[in-house]
Amino acid sequence: MERSGRLPLRRYLCWPEALTDGVFRRLGTEWTGYRAEVHTYLADGDRVGAFGVYSGT
C-alpha cells in the first residue's frame, strides 16, 4: 500500500495479510469511528490500486 497525506502507520505493504493486520485491524481498534470508503479501483494484471477517503480520530 502506498499512501498520500497523513495516513497513520505509514509503510509499504506487499501482501493482503500485512494490509489487514498491519493497518486496518489496528486502525479499527486504535481509532474512534475509523471508516474507509473506496471510490475507485484500478487493476493492471495482478496489481490492484484503490483510491478513497478515510476518517476517524
C-alpha atoms as a PDB file:
ATOM      1  CA  MET A   1       0.000   0.000   0.000  1.00  0.00           C
ATOM      2  CA  GLU A   2       1.247   3.425  -0.815  1.00  0.00           C
ATOM      3  CA  ARG A   3      -0.358   6.327   0.905  1.00  0.00           C
ATOM      4  CA  SER A   4      -0.642  10.033   0.384  1.00  0.00           C
ATOM      5  CA  GLY A   5      -1.406  12.609   3.017  1.00  0.00           C
ATOM      6  CA  ARG A   6      -1.021  11.699   6.669  1.00  0.00           C
ATOM      7  CA  LEU A   7      -2.276   8.123   6.896  1.00  0.00           C
ATOM      8  CA  PRO A   8      -1.003   6.702  10.189  1.00  0.00           C
ATOM      9  CA  LEU A   9       1.043   3.525  10.327  1.00  0.00           C
ATOM     10  CA  ARG A  10       2.591   4.545   7.020  1.00  0.00           C
ATOM     11  CA  ARG A  11       4.680   1.987   5.206  1.00  0.00           C
ATOM     12  CA  TYR A  12       4.629  -0.086   2.074  1.00  0.00           C
ATOM     13  CA  LEU A  13       2.714  -3.345   2.332  1.00  0.00           C
ATOM     14  CA  CYS A  14       3.016  -6.033  -0.294  1.00  0.00           C
ATOM     15  CA  TRP A  15       0.579  -8.739   0.734  1.00  0.00           C
ATOM     16  CA  PRO A  16      -3.073  -8.777   1.866  1.00  0.00           C
ATOM     17  CA  GLU A  17      -2.420 -10.034   5.405  1.00  0.00           C
ATOM     18  CA  ALA A  18       0.044  -7.216   6.070  1.00  0.00           C
ATOM     19  CA  LEU A  19      -2.501  -4.661   4.951  1.00  0.00           C
ATOM     20  CA  THR A  20      -5.291  -6.214   7.003  1.00  0.00           C
ATOM     21  CA  ASP A  21      -3.272  -6.880  10.171  1.00  0.00           C
ATOM     22  CA  GLY A  22      -0.778  -4.043   9.955  1.00  0.00           C
ATOM     23  CA  VAL A  23      -3.158  -1.243   9.073  1.00  0.00           C
ATOM     24  CA  PHE A  24      -6.906  -1.837   9.075  1.00  0.00           C
ATOM     25  CA  ARG A  25      -7.163  -4.002  12.171  1.00  0.00           C
ATOM     26  CA  ARG A  26      -5.019  -1.529  14.137  1.00  0.00           C
ATOM     27  CA  LEU A  27      -6.949   1.479  12.875  1.00  0.00           C
ATOM     28  CA  GLY A  28     -10.214  -0.233  13.759  1.00  0.00           C
ATOM     29  CA  THR A  29      -9.083  -0.815  17.354  1.00  0.00           C
ATOM     30  CA  GLU A  30      -6.939   2.296  17.969  1.00  0.00           C
ATOM     31  CA  TRP A  31      -9.098   4.967  16.310  1.00  0.00           C
ATOM     32  CA  THR A  32     -12.563   6.088  17.333  1.00  0.00           C
ATOM     33  CA  GLY A  33     -15.027   5.954  14.462  1.00  0.00           C
ATOM     34  CA  TYR A  34     -12.488   4.792  11.856  1.00  0.00           C
ATOM     35  CA  ARG A  35     -14.086   4.467   8.438  1.00  0.00           C
ATOM     36  CA  ALA A  36     -12.610   3.931   4.962  1.00  0.00           C
ATOM     37  CA  GLU A  37     -14.552   4.256   1.718  1.00  0.00           C
ATOM     38  CA  VAL A  38     -13.094   3.249  -1.644  1.00  0.00           C
ATOM     39  CA  HIS A  39     -14.434   5.191  -4.614  1.00  0.00           C
ATOM     40  CA  THR A  40     -12.191   3.846  -7.424  1.00  0.00           C
ATOM     41  CA  TYR A  41     -10.330   0.602  -8.130  1.00  0.00           C
ATOM     42  CA  LEU A  42      -7.641   0.281 -10.792  1.00  0.00           C
ATOM     43  CA  ALA A  43      -6.421  -3.115 -11.965  1.00  0.00           C
ATOM     44  CA  ASP A  44      -3.344  -3.935 -14.029  1.00  0.00           C
ATOM     45  CA  GLY A  45      -2.572  -7.646 -14.290  1.00  0.00           C
ATOM     46  CA  ASP A  46      -2.044  -8.963 -10.758  1.00  0.00           C
ATOM     47  CA  ARG A  47      -1.927  -5.470  -9.215  1.00  0.00           C
ATOM     48  CA  VAL A  48      -4.864  -3.541  -7.855  1.00  0.00           C
ATOM     49  CA  GLY A  49      -4.958   0.003  -6.569  1.00  0.00           C
ATOM     50  CA  ALA A  50      -7.748   1.509  -4.506  1.00  0.00           C
ATOM     51  CA  PHE A  51      -8.469   5.205  -4.091  1.00  0.00           C
ATOM     52  CA  GLY A  52     -10.752   6.602  -1.457  1.00  0.00           C
ATOM     53  CA  VAL A  53     -11.104   8.545   1.756  1.00  0.00           C
ATOM     54  CA  TYR A  54     -10.775   7.708   5.429  1.00  0.00           C
ATOM     55  CA  SER A  55     -11.831   9.359   8.666  1.00  0.00           C
ATOM     56  CA  GLY A  56     -11.611   8.882  12.410  1.00  0.00           C
ATOM     57  CA  THR A  57      -9.850  10.280  15.455  1.00  0.00           C
END
